[in-house]
Every structure is written in structure tokens, then in C-alpha cells.
Amino acid sequence: MIRGILTCSALISAIFFPWPFTAFLALVSSPIEPFLPFASGIFLDTLYYTPSTGIPPFFAITGAIVTLIAFSVRSRVRTGIIKR
């Protein structure tokens, strides 16, 4: 249930709030839902990217970097407290 709420709130905040708030929500929820920063980045680039500026899609690239970091952190952190 928390994953769904975090995902919906991060994607809806891209429409109603400034992008730093959306980036913060995606960053906070990345340990729980690792693909959310990349999905938010693609969604933000879909909304705000202008191809005539000549710069690469900034939000998708930073979302991909945060997603890679979230996967590496998630793989190193143990979720259980009991030793196996």
C-alpha cells in the first residue's frame, strides 16, 4: 500500500508542485521502489523537455543515476534482522 501511495504522490506532484519537491519524493522513496526516480524523470522530461534547446533530457538521466544508486544500496542492505 505504501509503494502505491509513494508512486502516485511522486507522479502527481510532478504536475502540481515544482520539480524539486518531486525529486525529493522520488529520492525518499527510492529505497522502497527503486524504479520510481527513473519513471519520474521520464515523466518530467515528457512534460517539460524542449528538444530545440540542444541539451540532453536532464531529469531522465538523473533519474537513471539515482535508480542505479538505489539498486546498489538495496542489494547491500540486509532486510532481515535474523542471521541466516
C-alpha atoms as a PDB file:
ATOM      1  CA  MET A   1       0.000   0.000   0.000  1.00  0.00           C
ATOM      2  CA  ILE A   2       2.850   2.376   0.848  1.00  0.00           C
ATOM      3  CA  ARG A   3       4.526   1.709  -2.500  1.00  0.00           C
ATOM      4  CA  GLY A   4       1.381   2.680  -4.361  1.00  0.00           C
ATOM      5  CA  ILE A   5       0.905   5.841  -2.323  1.00  0.00           C
ATOM      6  CA  LEU A   6       4.530   6.910  -2.812  1.00  0.00           C
ATOM      7  CA  THR A   7       4.419   6.200  -6.536  1.00  0.00           C
ATOM      8  CA  CYS A   8       1.163   8.064  -7.087  1.00  0.00           C
ATOM      9  CA  SER A   9       2.209  11.005  -4.925  1.00  0.00           C
ATOM     10  CA  ALA A  10       5.550  11.382  -6.720  1.00  0.00           C
ATOM     11  CA  LEU A  11       3.960  11.283 -10.162  1.00  0.00           C
ATOM     12  CA  ILE A  12       1.064  13.573  -9.233  1.00  0.00           C
ATOM     13  CA  SER A  13       3.419  16.043  -7.562  1.00  0.00           C
ATOM     14  CA  ALA A  14       5.165  16.452 -10.928  1.00  0.00           C
ATOM     15  CA  ILE A  15       2.015  18.132 -12.199  1.00  0.00           C
ATOM     16  CA  PHE A  16       1.023  20.236  -9.198  1.00  0.00           C
ATOM     17  CA  PHE A  17       4.291  21.083  -7.423  1.00  0.00           C
ATOM     18  CA  PRO A  18       7.749  22.299  -8.513  1.00  0.00           C
ATOM     19  CA  TRP A  19      10.257  19.721  -9.696  1.00  0.00           C
ATOM     20  CA  PRO A  20      12.477  19.841  -6.552  1.00  0.00           C
ATOM     21  CA  PHE A  21       9.568  18.513  -4.466  1.00  0.00           C
ATOM     22  CA  THR A  22       9.032  15.694  -6.968  1.00  0.00           C
ATOM     23  CA  ALA A  23      12.747  14.907  -6.952  1.00  0.00           C
ATOM     24  CA  PHE A  24      12.702  14.820  -3.153  1.00  0.00           C
ATOM     25  CA  LEU A  25       9.744  12.403  -3.106  1.00  0.00           C
ATOM     26  CA  ALA A  26      11.421  10.172  -5.679  1.00  0.00           C
ATOM     27  CA  LEU A  27      14.687  10.215  -3.737  1.00  0.00           C
ATOM     28  CA  VAL A  28      12.997   9.391  -0.432  1.00  0.00           C
ATOM     29  CA  SER A  29      11.020   6.525  -1.940  1.00  0.00           C
ATOM     30  CA  SER A  30      13.900   5.067  -3.953  1.00  0.00           C
ATOM     31  CA  PRO A  31      14.929   2.503  -1.280  1.00  0.00           C
ATOM     32  CA  ILE A  32      11.385   1.105  -1.331  1.00  0.00           C
ATOM     33  CA  GLU A  33      10.651   1.476  -5.056  1.00  0.00           C
ATOM     34  CA  PRO A  34      13.954   1.673  -6.984  1.00  0.00           C
ATOM     35  CA  PHE A  35      12.484   2.396 -10.439  1.00  0.00           C
ATOM     36  CA  LEU A  36      10.474   5.409  -9.256  1.00  0.00           C
ATOM     37  CA  PRO A  37      13.234   8.024  -9.797  1.00  0.00           C
ATOM     38  CA  PHE A  38      13.699   6.861 -13.392  1.00  0.00           C
ATOM     39  CA  ALA A  39       9.945   6.796 -14.020  1.00  0.00           C
ATOM     40  CA  SER A  40       9.583  10.264 -12.503  1.00  0.00           C
ATOM     41  CA  GLY A  41      12.463  11.529 -14.631  1.00  0.00           C
ATOM     42  CA  ILE A  42      10.899  10.222 -17.811  1.00  0.00           C
ATOM     43  CA  PHE A  43       7.542  11.721 -16.823  1.00  0.00           C
ATOM     44  CA  LEU A  44       9.109  15.108 -16.017  1.00  0.00           C
ATOM     45  CA  ASP A  45      11.005  15.117 -19.313  1.00  0.00           C
ATOM     46  CA  THR A  46       7.793  14.263 -21.126  1.00  0.00           C
ATOM     47  CA  LEU A  47       6.146  17.280 -19.528  1.00  0.00           C
ATOM     48  CA  TYR A  48       8.940  19.856 -19.656  1.00  0.00           C
ATOM     49  CA  TYR A  49      11.598  18.815 -22.206  1.00  0.00           C
ATOM     50  CA  THR A  50      12.179  21.155 -25.152  1.00  0.00           C
ATOM     51  CA  PRO A  51      14.094  19.473 -27.990  1.00  0.00           C
ATOM     52  CA  SER A  52      15.211  22.744 -29.591  1.00  0.00           C
ATOM     53  CA  THR A  53      17.442  23.661 -26.625  1.00  0.00           C
ATOM     54  CA  GLY A  54      20.080  21.091 -27.530  1.00  0.00           C
ATOM     55  CA  ILE A  55      20.587  19.734 -24.004  1.00  0.00           C
ATOM     56  CA  PRO A  56      20.009  16.068 -23.149  1.00  0.00           C
ATOM     57  CA  PRO A  57      16.944  15.046 -21.111  1.00  0.00           C
ATOM     58  CA  PHE A  58      18.198  16.105 -17.666  1.00  0.00           C
ATOM     59  CA  PHE A  59      15.507  14.505 -15.480  1.00  0.00           C
ATOM     60  CA  ALA A  60      15.683  11.085 -17.135  1.00  0.00           C
ATOM     61  CA  ILE A  61      19.474  10.974 -16.851  1.00  0.00           C
ATOM     62  CA  THR A  62      19.477  11.958 -13.175  1.00  0.00           C
ATOM     63  CA  GLY A  63      16.624   9.521 -12.532  1.00  0.00           C
ATOM     64  CA  ALA A  64      18.643   6.715 -14.107  1.00  0.00           C
ATOM     65  CA  ILE A  65      21.663   7.582 -11.957  1.00  0.00           C
ATOM     66  CA  VAL A  66      19.572   7.625  -8.764  1.00  0.00           C
ATOM     67  CA  THR A  67      17.964   4.322  -9.791  1.00  0.00           C
ATOM     68  CA  LEU A  68      21.398   2.707 -10.198  1.00  0.00           C
ATOM     69  CA  ILE A  69      22.466   4.034  -6.794  1.00  0.00           C
ATOM     70  CA  ALA A  70      19.222   2.775  -5.222  1.00  0.00           C
ATOM     71  CA  PHE A  71      19.790  -0.703  -6.660  1.00  0.00           C
ATOM     72  CA  SER A  72      23.361  -0.843  -5.390  1.00  0.00           C
ATOM     73  CA  VAL A  73      22.334   0.325  -1.917  1.00  0.00           C
ATOM     74  CA  ARG A  74      19.355  -2.016  -1.807  1.00  0.00           C
ATOM     75  CA  SER A  75      21.470  -5.024  -2.740  1.00  0.00           C
ATOM     76  CA  ARG A  76      23.954  -4.304   0.043  1.00  0.00           C
ATOM     77  CA  VAL A  77      21.460  -3.658   2.848  1.00  0.00           C
ATOM     78  CA  ARG A  78      20.026  -6.675   4.596  1.00  0.00           C
ATOM     79  CA  THR A  79      16.283  -6.536   5.070  1.00  0.00           C
ATOM     80  CA  GLY A  80      16.062  -9.065   7.882  1.00  0.00           C
ATOM     81  CA  ILE A  81      17.383  -8.793  11.408  1.00  0.00           C
ATOM     82  CA  ILE A  82      17.802 -12.541  11.932  1.00  0.00           C
ATOM     83  CA  LYS A  83      21.032 -14.096  10.670  1.00  0.00           C
ATOM     84  CA  ARG A  84      20.635 -16.885   8.158  1.00  0.00           C
END
